[in-house]
Amino acid sequence: VDRYTAMGYTMVCHGIGDAAIDQLVRAYERVRAAN
């Protein structure tokens, strides 16, 4: 996620279960915190 966003991409990731969604939210929160 860090690499692809640095390359200029929006992330459009598959997440259905609550554990997977939590993992994605944490990944996206890192991107928001950095920028």
Full PDB file with SEQRES, HELIX, SHEET, SSBOND, CRYST1, ORIGX, SCALE, CONECT and MASTER records, all heavy atoms in Angstrom:
SEQRES   1 A   35  VAL ASP ARG TYR THR ALA MET GLY TYR THR MET VAL CYS          
SEQRES   2 A   35  HIS GLY ILE GLY ASP ALA ALA ILE ASP GLN LEU VAL ARG          
SEQRES   3 A   35  ALA TYR GLU ARG VAL ARG ALA ALA ASN                          
HELIX    1 AA1 ASP A    2  ALA A    6  1                                   5    
HELIX    2 AA2 ASP A   18  ALA A   34  1                                  17    
CRYST1    1.000    1.000    1.000  90.00  90.00  90.00 P 1           1          
ORIGX1      1.000000  0.000000  0.000000        0.00000                         
ORIGX2      0.000000  1.000000  0.000000        0.00000                         
ORIGX3      0.000000  0.000000  1.000000        0.00000                         
SCALE1      1.000000  0.000000  0.000000        0.00000                         
SCALE2      0.000000  1.000000  0.000000        0.00000                         
SCALE3      0.000000  0.000000  1.000000        0.00000                         
ATOM      1  N   VAL A   1       0.833  -1.201   0.000  1.00  0.00           N  
ATOM      2  CA  VAL A   1       0.000   0.000   0.000  1.00  0.00           C  
ATOM      3  C   VAL A   1       0.867   1.251   0.000  1.00  0.00           C  
ATOM      4  O   VAL A   1       0.610   2.209  -0.744  1.00  0.00           O  
ATOM      5  CB  VAL A   1      -0.970  -0.013   1.196  1.00  0.00           C  
ATOM      6  CG1 VAL A   1      -1.668   1.338   1.351  1.00  0.00           C  
ATOM      7  CG2 VAL A   1      -2.014  -1.121   1.022  1.00  0.00           C  
ATOM      8  N   ASP A   2       1.902   1.252   0.831  1.00  0.00           N  
ATOM      9  CA  ASP A   2       2.809   2.406   0.860  1.00  0.00           C  
ATOM     10  C   ASP A   2       3.452   2.631  -0.513  1.00  0.00           C  
ATOM     11  O   ASP A   2       3.544   3.767  -1.003  1.00  0.00           O  
ATOM     12  CB  ASP A   2       3.916   2.188   1.902  1.00  0.00           C  
ATOM     13  CG  ASP A   2       3.417   2.260   3.331  1.00  0.00           C  
ATOM     14  OD1 ASP A   2       2.246   2.668   3.539  1.00  0.00           O  
ATOM     15  OD2 ASP A   2       4.183   1.896   4.244  1.00  0.00           O  
ATOM     16  N   ARG A   3       3.876   1.537  -1.138  1.00  0.00           N  
ATOM     17  CA  ARG A   3       4.574   1.647  -2.422  1.00  0.00           C  
ATOM     18  C   ARG A   3       3.630   2.131  -3.513  1.00  0.00           C  
ATOM     19  O   ARG A   3       3.963   3.043  -4.287  1.00  0.00           O  
ATOM     20  CB  ARG A   3       5.181   0.301  -2.793  1.00  0.00           C  
ATOM     21  CG  ARG A   3       5.905   0.292  -4.127  1.00  0.00           C  
ATOM     22  CD  ARG A   3       6.713  -0.986  -4.306  1.00  0.00           C  
ATOM     23  NE  ARG A   3       7.353  -1.001  -5.608  1.00  0.00           N  
ATOM     24  CZ  ARG A   3       6.839  -1.585  -6.693  1.00  0.00           C  
ATOM     25  NH1 ARG A   3       5.675  -2.222  -6.620  1.00  0.00           N  
ATOM     26  NH2 ARG A   3       7.494  -1.547  -7.842  1.00  0.00           N  
ATOM     27  N   TYR A   4       2.463   1.538  -3.603  1.00  0.00           N  
ATOM     28  CA  TYR A   4       1.540   1.898  -4.674  1.00  0.00           C  
ATOM     29  C   TYR A   4       1.009   3.318  -4.516  1.00  0.00           C  
ATOM     30  O   TYR A   4       0.844   4.039  -5.508  1.00  0.00           O  
ATOM     31  CB  TYR A   4       0.384   0.902  -4.731  1.00  0.00           C  
ATOM     32  CG  TYR A   4       0.771  -0.500  -5.175  1.00  0.00           C  
ATOM     33  CD1 TYR A   4       0.063  -1.613  -4.714  1.00  0.00           C  
ATOM     34  CD2 TYR A   4       1.828  -0.715  -6.050  1.00  0.00           C  
ATOM     35  CE1 TYR A   4       0.401  -2.901  -5.118  1.00  0.00           C  
ATOM     36  CE2 TYR A   4       2.186  -1.994  -6.455  1.00  0.00           C  
ATOM     37  CZ  TYR A   4       1.467  -3.091  -5.981  1.00  0.00           C  
ATOM     38  OH  TYR A   4       1.815  -4.360  -6.392  1.00  0.00           O  
ATOM     39  N   THR A   5       0.748   3.738  -3.294  1.00  0.00           N  
ATOM     40  CA  THR A   5       0.278   5.119  -3.117  1.00  0.00           C  
ATOM     41  C   THR A   5       1.388   6.112  -3.447  1.00  0.00           C  
ATOM     42  O   THR A   5       1.127   7.172  -4.025  1.00  0.00           O  
ATOM     43  CB  THR A   5      -0.237   5.357  -1.682  1.00  0.00           C  
ATOM     44  OG1 THR A   5       0.764   4.969  -0.734  1.00  0.00           O  
ATOM     45  CG2 THR A   5      -1.500   4.561  -1.418  1.00  0.00           C  
ATOM     46  N   ALA A   6       2.639   5.770  -3.128  1.00  0.00           N  
ATOM     47  CA  ALA A   6       3.759   6.647  -3.474  1.00  0.00           C  
ATOM     48  C   ALA A   6       3.926   6.752  -4.992  1.00  0.00           C  
ATOM     49  O   ALA A   6       4.445   7.758  -5.499  1.00  0.00           O  
ATOM     50  CB  ALA A   6       5.043   6.125  -2.834  1.00  0.00           C  
ATOM     51  N   MET A   7       3.464   5.740  -5.721  1.00  0.00           N  
ATOM     52  CA  MET A   7       3.538   5.752  -7.186  1.00  0.00           C  
ATOM     53  C   MET A   7       2.379   6.536  -7.807  1.00  0.00           C  
ATOM     54  O   MET A   7       2.342   6.715  -9.027  1.00  0.00           O  
ATOM     55  CB  MET A   7       3.522   4.310  -7.713  1.00  0.00           C  
ATOM     56  CG  MET A   7       4.769   3.506  -7.349  1.00  0.00           C  
ATOM     57  SD  MET A   7       4.583   1.710  -7.693  1.00  0.00           S  
ATOM     58  CE  MET A   7       4.629   1.691  -9.485  1.00  0.00           C  
ATOM     59  N   GLY A   8       1.441   6.981  -6.978  1.00  0.00           N  
ATOM     60  CA  GLY A   8       0.357   7.814  -7.481  1.00  0.00           C  
ATOM     61  C   GLY A   8      -0.975   7.112  -7.645  1.00  0.00           C  
ATOM     62  O   GLY A   8      -1.863   7.634  -8.323  1.00  0.00           O  
ATOM     63  N   TYR A   9      -1.146   5.965  -6.989  1.00  0.00           N  
ATOM     64  CA  TYR A   9      -2.368   5.195  -7.163  1.00  0.00           C  
ATOM     65  C   TYR A   9      -3.311   5.313  -5.965  1.00  0.00           C  
ATOM     66  O   TYR A   9      -2.866   5.330  -4.808  1.00  0.00           O  
ATOM     67  CB  TYR A   9      -2.049   3.717  -7.380  1.00  0.00           C  
ATOM     68  CG  TYR A   9      -1.396   3.429  -8.697  1.00  0.00           C  
ATOM     69  CD1 TYR A   9      -0.022   3.196  -8.778  1.00  0.00           C  
ATOM     70  CD2 TYR A   9      -2.139   3.390  -9.876  1.00  0.00           C  
ATOM     71  CE1 TYR A   9       0.594   2.933  -9.994  1.00  0.00           C  
ATOM     72  CE2 TYR A   9      -1.530   3.129 -11.109  1.00  0.00           C  
ATOM     73  CZ  TYR A   9      -0.170   2.899 -11.148  1.00  0.00           C  
ATOM     74  OH  TYR A   9       0.439   2.652 -12.356  1.00  0.00           O  
ATOM     75  N   THR A  10      -4.593   5.372  -6.271  1.00  0.00           N  
ATOM     76  CA  THR A  10      -5.629   5.160  -5.269  1.00  0.00           C  
ATOM     77  C   THR A  10      -5.700   3.667  -4.981  1.00  0.00           C  
ATOM     78  O   THR A  10      -5.539   2.845  -5.878  1.00  0.00           O  
ATOM     79  CB  THR A  10      -6.991   5.660  -5.799  1.00  0.00           C  
ATOM     80  OG1 THR A  10      -6.930   7.080  -5.962  1.00  0.00           O  
ATOM     81  CG2 THR A  10      -8.127   5.307  -4.848  1.00  0.00           C  
ATOM     82  N   MET A  11      -5.954   3.313  -3.720  1.00  0.00           N  
ATOM     83  CA  MET A  11      -6.063   1.909  -3.352  1.00  0.00           C  
ATOM     84  C   MET A  11      -7.537   1.486  -3.344  1.00  0.00           C  
ATOM     85  O   MET A  11      -8.392   2.194  -2.811  1.00  0.00           O  
ATOM     86  CB  MET A  11      -5.421   1.639  -1.996  1.00  0.00           C  
ATOM     87  CG  MET A  11      -3.929   1.971  -1.948  1.00  0.00           C  
ATOM     88  SD  MET A  11      -2.946   1.194  -3.276  1.00  0.00           S  
ATOM     89  CE  MET A  11      -3.246  -0.552  -2.959  1.00  0.00           C  
ATOM     90  N   VAL A  12      -7.783   0.346  -3.941  1.00  0.00           N  
ATOM     91  CA  VAL A  12      -9.156  -0.142  -4.134  1.00  0.00           C  
ATOM     92  C   VAL A  12      -9.140  -1.621  -3.767  1.00  0.00           C  
ATOM     93  O   VAL A  12      -9.294  -2.493  -4.622  1.00  0.00           O  
ATOM     94  CB  VAL A  12      -9.597   0.064  -5.608  1.00  0.00           C  
ATOM     95  CG1 VAL A  12     -11.083  -0.170  -5.770  1.00  0.00           C  
ATOM     96  CG2 VAL A  12      -9.248   1.462  -6.095  1.00  0.00           C  
ATOM     97  N   CYS A  13      -8.942  -1.921  -2.489  1.00  0.00           N  
ATOM     98  CA  CYS A  13      -8.614  -3.280  -2.055  1.00  0.00           C  
ATOM     99  C   CYS A  13      -9.832  -4.061  -1.582  1.00  0.00           C  
ATOM    100  O   CYS A  13     -10.752  -3.512  -0.979  1.00  0.00           O  
ATOM    101  CB  CYS A  13      -7.573  -3.243  -0.942  1.00  0.00           C  
ATOM    102  SG  CYS A  13      -5.993  -2.539  -1.461  1.00  0.00           S  
ATOM    103  N   HIS A  14      -9.780  -5.356  -1.833  1.00  0.00           N  
ATOM    104  CA  HIS A  14     -10.845  -6.292  -1.450  1.00  0.00           C  
ATOM    105  C   HIS A  14     -10.742  -6.618   0.039  1.00  0.00           C  
ATOM    106  O   HIS A  14      -9.709  -7.085   0.504  1.00  0.00           O  
ATOM    107  CB  HIS A  14     -10.697  -7.564  -2.288  1.00  0.00           C  
ATOM    108  CG  HIS A  14     -11.551  -8.719  -1.840  1.00  0.00           C  
ATOM    109  ND1 HIS A  14     -12.556  -9.239  -2.617  1.00  0.00           N  
ATOM    110  CD2 HIS A  14     -11.539  -9.472  -0.709  1.00  0.00           C  
ATOM    111  CE1 HIS A  14     -13.124 -10.252  -1.990  1.00  0.00           C  
ATOM    112  NE2 HIS A  14     -12.514 -10.412  -0.826  1.00  0.00           N  
ATOM    113  N   GLY A  15     -11.840  -6.373   0.758  1.00  0.00           N  
ATOM    114  CA  GLY A  15     -11.912  -6.774   2.157  1.00  0.00           C  
ATOM    115  C   GLY A  15     -13.359  -7.033   2.538  1.00  0.00           C  
ATOM    116  O   GLY A  15     -14.188  -6.132   2.435  1.00  0.00           O  
ATOM    117  N   ILE A  16     -13.685  -8.244   2.965  1.00  0.00           N  
ATOM    118  CA  ILE A  16     -15.061  -8.591   3.314  1.00  0.00           C  
ATOM    119  C   ILE A  16     -15.217  -8.827   4.818  1.00  0.00           C  
ATOM    120  O   ILE A  16     -16.086  -8.256   5.470  1.00  0.00           O  
ATOM    121  CB  ILE A  16     -15.534  -9.818   2.513  1.00  0.00           C  
ATOM    122  CG1 ILE A  16     -15.717  -9.436   1.040  1.00  0.00           C  
ATOM    123  CG2 ILE A  16     -16.841 -10.377   3.088  1.00  0.00           C  
ATOM    124  CD1 ILE A  16     -16.204 -10.563   0.148  1.00  0.00           C  
ATOM    125  N   GLY A  17     -14.378  -9.687   5.383  1.00  0.00           N  
ATOM    126  CA  GLY A  17     -14.484  -9.972   6.805  1.00  0.00           C  
ATOM    127  C   GLY A  17     -13.983  -8.814   7.654  1.00  0.00           C  
ATOM    128  O   GLY A  17     -13.168  -7.996   7.218  1.00  0.00           O  
ATOM    129  N   ASP A  18     -14.457  -8.764   8.914  1.00  0.00           N  
ATOM    130  CA  ASP A  18     -14.079  -7.635   9.770  1.00  0.00           C  
ATOM    131  C   ASP A  18     -12.589  -7.620  10.087  1.00  0.00           C  
ATOM    132  O   ASP A  18     -11.993  -6.545  10.243  1.00  0.00           O  
ATOM    133  CB  ASP A  18     -14.917  -7.594  11.053  1.00  0.00           C  
ATOM    134  CG  ASP A  18     -14.966  -8.919  11.798  1.00  0.00           C  
ATOM    135  OD1 ASP A  18     -14.299  -9.880  11.381  1.00  0.00           O  
ATOM    136  OD2 ASP A  18     -15.701  -8.994  12.800  1.00  0.00           O  
ATOM    137  N   ALA A  19     -11.946  -8.778  10.144  1.00  0.00           N  
ATOM    138  CA  ALA A  19     -10.498  -8.796  10.372  1.00  0.00           C  
ATOM    139  C   ALA A  19      -9.751  -8.239   9.165  1.00  0.00           C  
ATOM    140  O   ALA A  19      -8.778  -7.489   9.317  1.00  0.00           O  
ATOM    141  CB  ALA A  19     -10.033 -10.221  10.683  1.00  0.00           C  
ATOM    142  N   ALA A  20     -10.194  -8.591   7.974  1.00  0.00           N  
ATOM    143  CA  ALA A  20      -9.561  -8.068   6.761  1.00  0.00           C  
ATOM    144  C   ALA A  20      -9.781  -6.569   6.629  1.00  0.00           C  
ATOM    145  O   ALA A  20      -8.874  -5.821   6.234  1.00  0.00           O  
ATOM    146  CB  ALA A  20     -10.116  -8.791   5.531  1.00  0.00           C  
ATOM    147  N   ILE A  21     -10.988  -6.117   6.949  1.00  0.00           N  
ATOM    148  CA  ILE A  21     -11.281  -4.680   6.862  1.00  0.00           C  
ATOM    149  C   ILE A  21     -10.425  -3.912   7.855  1.00  0.00           C  
ATOM    150  O   ILE A  21      -9.869  -2.852   7.531  1.00  0.00           O  
ATOM    151  CB  ILE A  21     -12.783  -4.431   7.092  1.00  0.00           C  
ATOM    152  CG1 ILE A  21     -13.591  -5.038   5.937  1.00  0.00           C  
ATOM    153  CG2 ILE A  21     -13.071  -2.944   7.220  1.00  0.00           C  
ATOM    154  CD1 ILE A  21     -15.079  -5.107   6.199  1.00  0.00           C  
ATOM    155  N   ASP A  22     -10.297  -4.437   9.074  1.00  0.00           N  
ATOM    156  CA  ASP A  22      -9.442  -3.778  10.064  1.00  0.00           C  
ATOM    157  C   ASP A  22      -8.011  -3.681   9.558  1.00  0.00           C  
ATOM    158  O   ASP A  22      -7.343  -2.640   9.716  1.00  0.00           O  
ATOM    159  CB  ASP A  22      -9.486  -4.559  11.380  1.00  0.00           C  
ATOM    160  CG  ASP A  22      -8.498  -4.025  12.396  1.00  0.00           C  
ATOM    161  OD1 ASP A  22      -8.740  -2.933  12.948  1.00  0.00           O  
ATOM    162  OD2 ASP A  22      -7.452  -4.686  12.629  1.00  0.00           O  
ATOM    163  N   GLN A  23      -7.516  -4.728   8.922  1.00  0.00           N  
ATOM    164  CA  GLN A  23      -6.157  -4.699   8.383  1.00  0.00           C  
ATOM    165  C   GLN A  23      -6.020  -3.621   7.310  1.00  0.00           C  
ATOM    166  O   GLN A  23      -5.034  -2.866   7.293  1.00  0.00           O  
ATOM    167  CB  GLN A  23      -5.799  -6.072   7.805  1.00  0.00           C  
ATOM    168  CG  GLN A  23      -4.360  -6.172   7.320  1.00  0.00           C  
ATOM    169  CD  GLN A  23      -4.079  -7.454   6.569  1.00  0.00           C  
ATOM    170  OE1 GLN A  23      -4.901  -7.894   5.759  1.00  0.00           O  
ATOM    171  NE2 GLN A  23      -2.931  -8.075   6.819  1.00  0.00           N  
ATOM    172  N   LEU A  24      -7.012  -3.513   6.427  1.00  0.00           N  
ATOM    173  CA  LEU A  24      -6.971  -2.484   5.384  1.00  0.00           C  
ATOM    174  C   LEU A  24      -7.066  -1.088   5.969  1.00  0.00           C  
ATOM    175  O   LEU A  24      -6.365  -0.165   5.522  1.00  0.00           O  
ATOM    176  CB  LEU A  24      -8.107  -2.707   4.380  1.00  0.00           C  
ATOM    177  CG  LEU A  24      -7.835  -3.714   3.272  1.00  0.00           C  
ATOM    178  CD1 LEU A  24      -9.090  -3.936   2.449  1.00  0.00           C  
ATOM    179  CD2 LEU A  24      -6.694  -3.236   2.373  1.00  0.00           C  
ATOM    180  N   VAL A  25      -7.933  -0.903   6.946  1.00  0.00           N  
ATOM    181  CA  VAL A  25      -8.055   0.415   7.565  1.00  0.00           C  
ATOM    182  C   VAL A  25      -6.725   0.820   8.184  1.00  0.00           C  
ATOM    183  O   VAL A  25      -6.281   1.973   8.045  1.00  0.00           O  
ATOM    184  CB  VAL A  25      -9.186   0.429   8.615  1.00  0.00           C  
ATOM    185  CG1 VAL A  25      -9.163   1.739   9.420  1.00  0.00           C  
ATOM    186  CG2 VAL A  25     -10.543   0.268   7.938  1.00  0.00           C  
ATOM    187  N   ARG A  26      -6.061  -0.118   8.835  1.00  0.00           N  
ATOM    188  CA  ARG A  26      -4.752   0.206   9.411  1.00  0.00           C  
ATOM    189  C   ARG A  26      -3.748   0.581   8.323  1.00  0.00           C  
ATOM    190  O   ARG A  26      -2.945   1.505   8.497  1.00  0.00           O  
ATOM    191  CB  ARG A  26      -4.240  -0.967  10.247  1.00  0.00           C  
ATOM    192  CG  ARG A  26      -4.979  -1.108  11.573  1.00  0.00           C  
ATOM    193  CD  ARG A  26      -4.407  -2.195  12.461  1.00  0.00           C  
ATOM    194  NE  ARG A  26      -4.762  -3.532  12.026  1.00  0.00           N  
ATOM    195  CZ  ARG A  26      -3.905  -4.471  11.657  1.00  0.00           C  
ATOM    196  NH1 ARG A  26      -2.594  -4.207  11.645  1.00  0.00           N  
ATOM    197  NH2 ARG A  26      -4.312  -5.669  11.282  1.00  0.00           N  
ATOM    198  N   ALA A  27      -3.802  -0.111   7.194  1.00  0.00           N  
ATOM    199  CA  ALA A  27      -2.896   0.222   6.091  1.00  0.00           C  
ATOM    200  C   ALA A  27      -3.184   1.619   5.554  1.00  0.00           C  
ATOM    201  O   ALA A  27      -2.258   2.412   5.295  1.00  0.00           O  
ATOM    202  CB  ALA A  27      -3.037  -0.816   4.976  1.00  0.00           C  
ATOM    203  N   TYR A  28      -4.465   1.949   5.384  1.00  0.00           N  
ATOM    204  CA  TYR A  28      -4.837   3.266   4.856  1.00  0.00           C  
ATOM    205  C   TYR A  28      -4.591   4.369   5.880  1.00  0.00           C  
ATOM    206  O   TYR A  28      -4.248   5.501   5.506  1.00  0.00           O  
ATOM    207  CB  TYR A  28      -6.310   3.267   4.451  1.00  0.00           C  
ATOM    208  CG  TYR A  28      -6.687   2.385   3.281  1.00  0.00           C  
ATOM    209  CD1 TYR A  28      -8.027   2.132   2.981  1.00  0.00           C  
ATOM    210  CD2 TYR A  28      -5.729   1.784   2.465  1.00  0.00           C  
ATOM    211  CE1 TYR A  28      -8.398   1.331   1.905  1.00  0.00           C  
ATOM    212  CE2 TYR A  28      -6.084   0.979   1.396  1.00  0.00           C  
ATOM    213  CZ  TYR A  28      -7.432   0.753   1.122  1.00  0.00           C  
ATOM    214  OH  TYR A  28      -7.795  -0.034   0.063  1.00  0.00           O  
ATOM    215  N   GLU A  29      -4.769   4.058   7.150  1.00  0.00           N  
ATOM    216  CA  GLU A  29      -4.492   5.061   8.192  1.00  0.00           C  
ATOM    217  C   GLU A  29      -3.014   5.447   8.173  1.00  0.00           C  
ATOM    218  O   GLU A  29      -2.669   6.624   8.405  1.00  0.00           O  
ATOM    219  CB  GLU A  29      -4.865   4.502   9.568  1.00  0.00           C  
ATOM    220  CG  GLU A  29      -6.369   4.465   9.833  1.00  0.00           C  
ATOM    221  CD  GLU A  29      -6.725   3.750  11.126  1.00  0.00           C  
ATOM    222  OE1 GLU A  29      -5.949   2.862  11.566  1.00  0.00           O  
ATOM    223  OE2 GLU A  29      -7.784   4.059  11.701  1.00  0.00           O  
ATOM    224  N   ARG A  30      -2.135   4.499   7.903  1.00  0.00           N  
ATOM    225  CA  ARG A  30      -0.707   4.802   7.805  1.00  0.00           C  
ATOM    226  C   ARG A  30      -0.450   5.808   6.688  1.00  0.00           C  
ATOM    227  O   ARG A  30       0.336   6.751   6.846  1.00  0.00           O  
ATOM    228  CB  ARG A  30       0.081   3.521   7.516  1.00  0.00           C  
ATOM    229  CG  ARG A  30       0.248   2.573   8.672  1.00  0.00           C  
ATOM    230  CD  ARG A  30       0.724   1.202   8.188  1.00  0.00           C  
ATOM    231  NE  ARG A  30       1.810   1.285   7.207  1.00  0.00           N  
ATOM    232  CZ  ARG A  30       3.098   1.307   7.516  1.00  0.00           C  
ATOM    233  NH1 ARG A  30       3.459   1.245   8.790  1.00  0.00           N  
ATOM    234  NH2 ARG A  30       4.024   1.378   6.570  1.00  0.00           N  
ATOM    235  N   VAL A  31      -1.124   5.599   5.554  1.00  0.00           N  
ATOM    236  CA  VAL A  31      -0.954   6.507   4.414  1.00  0.00           C  
ATOM    237  C   VAL A  31      -1.446   7.901   4.775  1.00  0.00           C  
ATOM    238  O   VAL A  31      -0.802   8.908   4.455  1.00  0.00           O  
ATOM    239  CB  VAL A  31      -1.707   5.961   3.186  1.00  0.00           C  
ATOM    240  CG1 VAL A  31      -1.684   6.968   2.051  1.00  0.00           C  
ATOM    241  CG2 VAL A  31      -1.100   4.639   2.736  1.00  0.00           C  
ATOM    242  N   ARG A  32      -2.593   7.984   5.451  1.00  0.00           N  
ATOM    243  CA  ARG A  32      -3.141   9.285   5.854  1.00  0.00           C  
ATOM    244  C   ARG A  32      -2.225   9.964   6.862  1.00  0.00           C  
ATOM    245  O   ARG A  32      -2.010  11.190   6.805  1.00  0.00           O  
ATOM    246  CB  ARG A  32      -4.544   9.095   6.433  1.00  0.00           C  
ATOM    247  CG  ARG A  32      -5.209  10.383   6.920  1.00  0.00           C  
ATOM    248  CD  ARG A  32      -5.485  11.352   5.791  1.00  0.00           C  
ATOM    249  NE  ARG A  32      -6.520  10.874   4.889  1.00  0.00           N  
ATOM    250  CZ  ARG A  32      -6.862  11.507   3.761  1.00  0.00           C  
ATOM    251  NH1 ARG A  32      -6.233  12.627   3.408  1.00  0.00           N  
ATOM    252  NH2 ARG A  32      -7.796  11.020   2.975  1.00  0.00           N  
ATOM    253  N   ALA A  33      -1.666   9.195   7.794  1.00  0.00           N  
ATOM    254  CA  ALA A  33      -0.779   9.784   8.799  1.00  0.00           C  
ATOM    255  C   ALA A  33       0.494  10.328   8.161  1.00  0.00           C  
ATOM    256  O   ALA A  33       1.008  11.380   8.555  1.00  0.00           O  
ATOM    257  CB  ALA A  33      -0.428   8.746   9.865  1.00  0.00           C  
ATOM    258  N   ALA A  34       0.997   9.619   7.143  1.00  0.00           N  
ATOM    259  CA  ALA A  34       2.220  10.059   6.470  1.00  0.00           C  
ATOM    260  C   ALA A  34       1.978  11.269   5.588  1.00  0.00           C  
ATOM    261  O   ALA A  34       2.888  12.091   5.387  1.00  0.00           O  
ATOM    262  CB  ALA A  34       2.794   8.909   5.640  1.00  0.00           C  
ATOM    263  N   ASN A  35       0.764  11.399   5.076  1.00  0.00           N  
ATOM    264  CA  ASN A  35       0.422  12.514   4.187  1.00  0.00           C  
ATOM    265  C   ASN A  35      -1.025  12.925   4.458  1.00  0.00           C  
ATOM    266  O   ASN A  35      -1.938  12.526   3.730  1.00  0.00           O  
ATOM    267  CB  ASN A  35       0.608  12.102   2.726  1.00  0.00           C  
ATOM    268  CG  ASN A  35       0.308  13.250   1.769  1.00  0.00           C  
ATOM    269  OD1 ASN A  35       0.104  14.401   2.176  1.00  0.00           O  
ATOM    270  ND2 ASN A  35       0.271  12.949   0.475  1.00  0.00           N  
TER     271      ASN A  35                                                      
MASTER        0    0    0    2    0    0    0    6  270    1    0    3          
END                                                                             
